[in-house]
Protein backbone atom coordinates (compact mmCIF):
# COMPACT_ATOMS: atom_id res chain seq x y z
CA MET A 1 -14.47 -7.77 -2.03
CA THR A 2 -10.82 -8.44 -0.84
CA ASP A 3 -10.46 -9.80 2.44
CA VAL A 4 -8.70 -8.12 5.25
CA ARG A 5 -7.95 -9.95 8.06
CA ILE A 6 -8.50 -8.19 11.17
CA GLY A 7 -9.19 -9.60 14.95
CA PRO A 8 -10.39 -7.18 17.96
CA ALA A 9 -7.40 -8.36 19.86
CA ASP A 10 -5.03 -8.60 16.95
CA PRO A 11 -1.91 -6.43 18.04
CA ASP A 12 -0.46 -5.86 14.54
CA THR A 13 -0.14 -2.31 13.35
CA ALA A 14 -1.96 -0.86 10.35
CA ALA A 15 1.26 -1.85 8.12
CA ALA A 16 1.83 -5.61 9.19
CA ARG A 17 -1.96 -6.05 8.19
CA LEU A 18 -1.75 -4.58 4.99
CA ILE A 19 1.24 -6.34 3.84
CA ARG A 20 -0.59 -9.68 5.21
CA THR A 21 -3.34 -8.84 2.91
CA LEU A 22 -1.13 -7.88 -0.18
CA GLU A 23 1.21 -11.27 0.35
CA GLU A 24 -2.14 -13.30 0.38
CA HIS A 25 -3.02 -11.51 -3.26
CA GLY A 26 0.30 -12.88 -4.31
CA LEU A 27 3.01 -9.38 -4.21
CA THR A 28 5.77 -8.96 -2.01
CA ALA A 29 5.67 -6.29 0.18
CA ARG A 30 7.55 -4.51 3.01
CA THR A 31 7.90 -1.67 4.74
CA GLY A 32 10.48 1.01 3.93
CA THR A 33 11.00 4.71 5.00
CA ASP A 34 11.29 8.03 2.23
CA TYR A 35 14.26 9.67 4.35
CA PRO A 36 13.82 12.98 2.64
CA THR A 37 10.14 13.21 3.39
CA THR A 38 10.12 10.75 6.46
CA THR A 39 7.50 8.91 5.06
CA ASP A 40 6.80 5.67 6.44
CA MET A 41 5.39 3.22 3.73
CA VAL A 42 4.75 -0.44 2.52
CA ILE A 43 6.33 -0.83 -0.41
CA VAL A 44 5.22 -3.35 -2.95
CA ASP A 45 7.61 -4.48 -5.52
CA ILE A 46 6.51 -5.21 -9.05
CA GLU A 47 8.08 -7.66 -11.07
CA GLY A 48 10.68 -5.77 -13.25
CA GLY A 49 11.29 -2.82 -10.84
CA PRO A 50 8.77 -0.63 -10.41
CA GLU A 51 7.42 -0.35 -6.81
CA ILE A 52 4.06 1.29 -5.14
CA TRP A 53 4.35 3.07 -2.10
CA ILE A 54 1.46 3.20 0.22
CA ALA A 55 1.10 5.31 3.23
CA ASP A 56 -1.71 7.31 5.19
CA ASP A 57 -2.34 10.71 3.90
CA THR A 58 -0.11 11.66 7.14
CA GLY A 59 2.79 9.94 6.03
CA ARG A 60 2.63 7.14 8.38
CA THR A 61 1.47 3.41 8.19
CA ASP A 62 0.54 3.22 11.84
CA SER A 63 -2.20 5.44 12.68
CA PRO A 64 -5.07 3.73 15.20
CA LEU A 65 -7.27 1.66 13.46
CA ASP A 66 -10.20 3.33 14.42
CA ALA A 67 -8.93 6.73 13.62
CA HIS A 68 -7.84 5.46 10.17
CA PRO A 69 -7.52 9.01 7.99
CA GLY A 70 -7.26 6.77 4.85
CA TRP A 71 -4.66 5.43 1.99
CA VAL A 72 -2.65 7.15 -0.48
CA ALA A 73 -0.64 4.76 -2.92
CA VAL A 74 1.91 5.88 -5.61
CA TYR A 75 3.40 3.68 -8.88
CA ARG A 76 6.99 4.87 -9.04
CA PRO A 77 8.34 3.30 -12.37
CA HIS A 78 12.05 3.60 -11.19
CA ALA A 79 11.37 2.90 -7.42
CA ASP A 80 13.37 5.00 -5.51
CA LEU A 81 15.81 6.14 -8.11
CA SER A 82 13.75 9.02 -9.94
CA ASP A 83 10.05 10.41 -9.25
CA GLU A 84 9.48 10.56 -13.02
CA GLY A 85 6.61 8.95 -14.25
CA GLU A 86 5.14 8.42 -10.78
CA ALA A 87 1.09 8.16 -10.79
CA GLU A 88 -1.21 8.40 -7.67
CA ILE A 89 -3.25 5.10 -8.32
CA TYR A 90 -5.27 5.51 -5.23
CA ARG A 91 -6.33 8.04 -2.52
CA SER A 92 -9.11 7.91 0.19
CA GLU A 93 -10.22 9.78 3.13
CA GLY A 94 -10.79 6.50 5.23
CA ALA A 95 -14.53 6.39 4.94
CA GLY A 96 -15.89 3.02 5.73
CA GLY A 97 -13.50 2.17 8.09
CA PHE A 98 -10.32 0.61 7.81
CA SER A 99 -11.15 -2.63 6.49
CA ARG A 100 -13.27 -1.28 3.83
CA ASP A 101 -10.55 1.34 2.87
CA THR A 102 -8.16 -1.09 2.69
CA ALA A 103 -9.83 -3.92 0.67
CA ALA A 104 -10.52 -1.33 -1.71
CA LEU A 105 -6.70 -0.09 -1.79
CA VAL A 106 -5.73 -3.84 -2.28
CA ALA A 107 -7.83 -4.03 -5.32
CA ALA A 108 -6.39 -1.12 -6.95
CA VAL A 109 -2.74 -2.03 -6.04
CA VAL A 110 -3.04 -6.00 -7.65
CA GLN A 111 -4.84 -4.24 -10.32
CA CYS A 112 -1.99 -1.93 -11.57
CA ALA A 113 0.63 -4.47 -10.37
CA ALA A 114 -0.66 -6.37 -12.77
CA ALA A 115 -1.00 -3.91 -15.42
CA ARG A 116 2.73 -2.32 -14.73
CA SER A 117 4.50 -5.62 -14.45
CA LEU A 118 7.99 -5.26 -16.78
CA VAL A 119 7.86 -9.29 -17.01
CA SER A 120 6.09 -11.37 -19.21
CA ALA A 121 3.74 -13.77 -17.90
């Protein structure tokens, strides 16, 4: 199972913890905001240009960990240029808490990024 590094005294946001975990799995991730919808998200850059956008189901990345509402991840083949071809790759309701849900999310994102990279290995 994916390791989500969380300590009880760690003051980082859910987004910072998610980014750290994604980076530990070899992905490039950053925070961003979709201004038309004001959705705060973590953006995973996929080689060749596509992106994966991640937020909780309220469109935020800073919900309290003890009230984690779940993650939603959407693959965007044209990044922010167009929503054509976008596909939801993960959705949860936060069952099992932040750590378990984030581990499942990261597994799905790593798998999608590897399968959808536009650059040959």
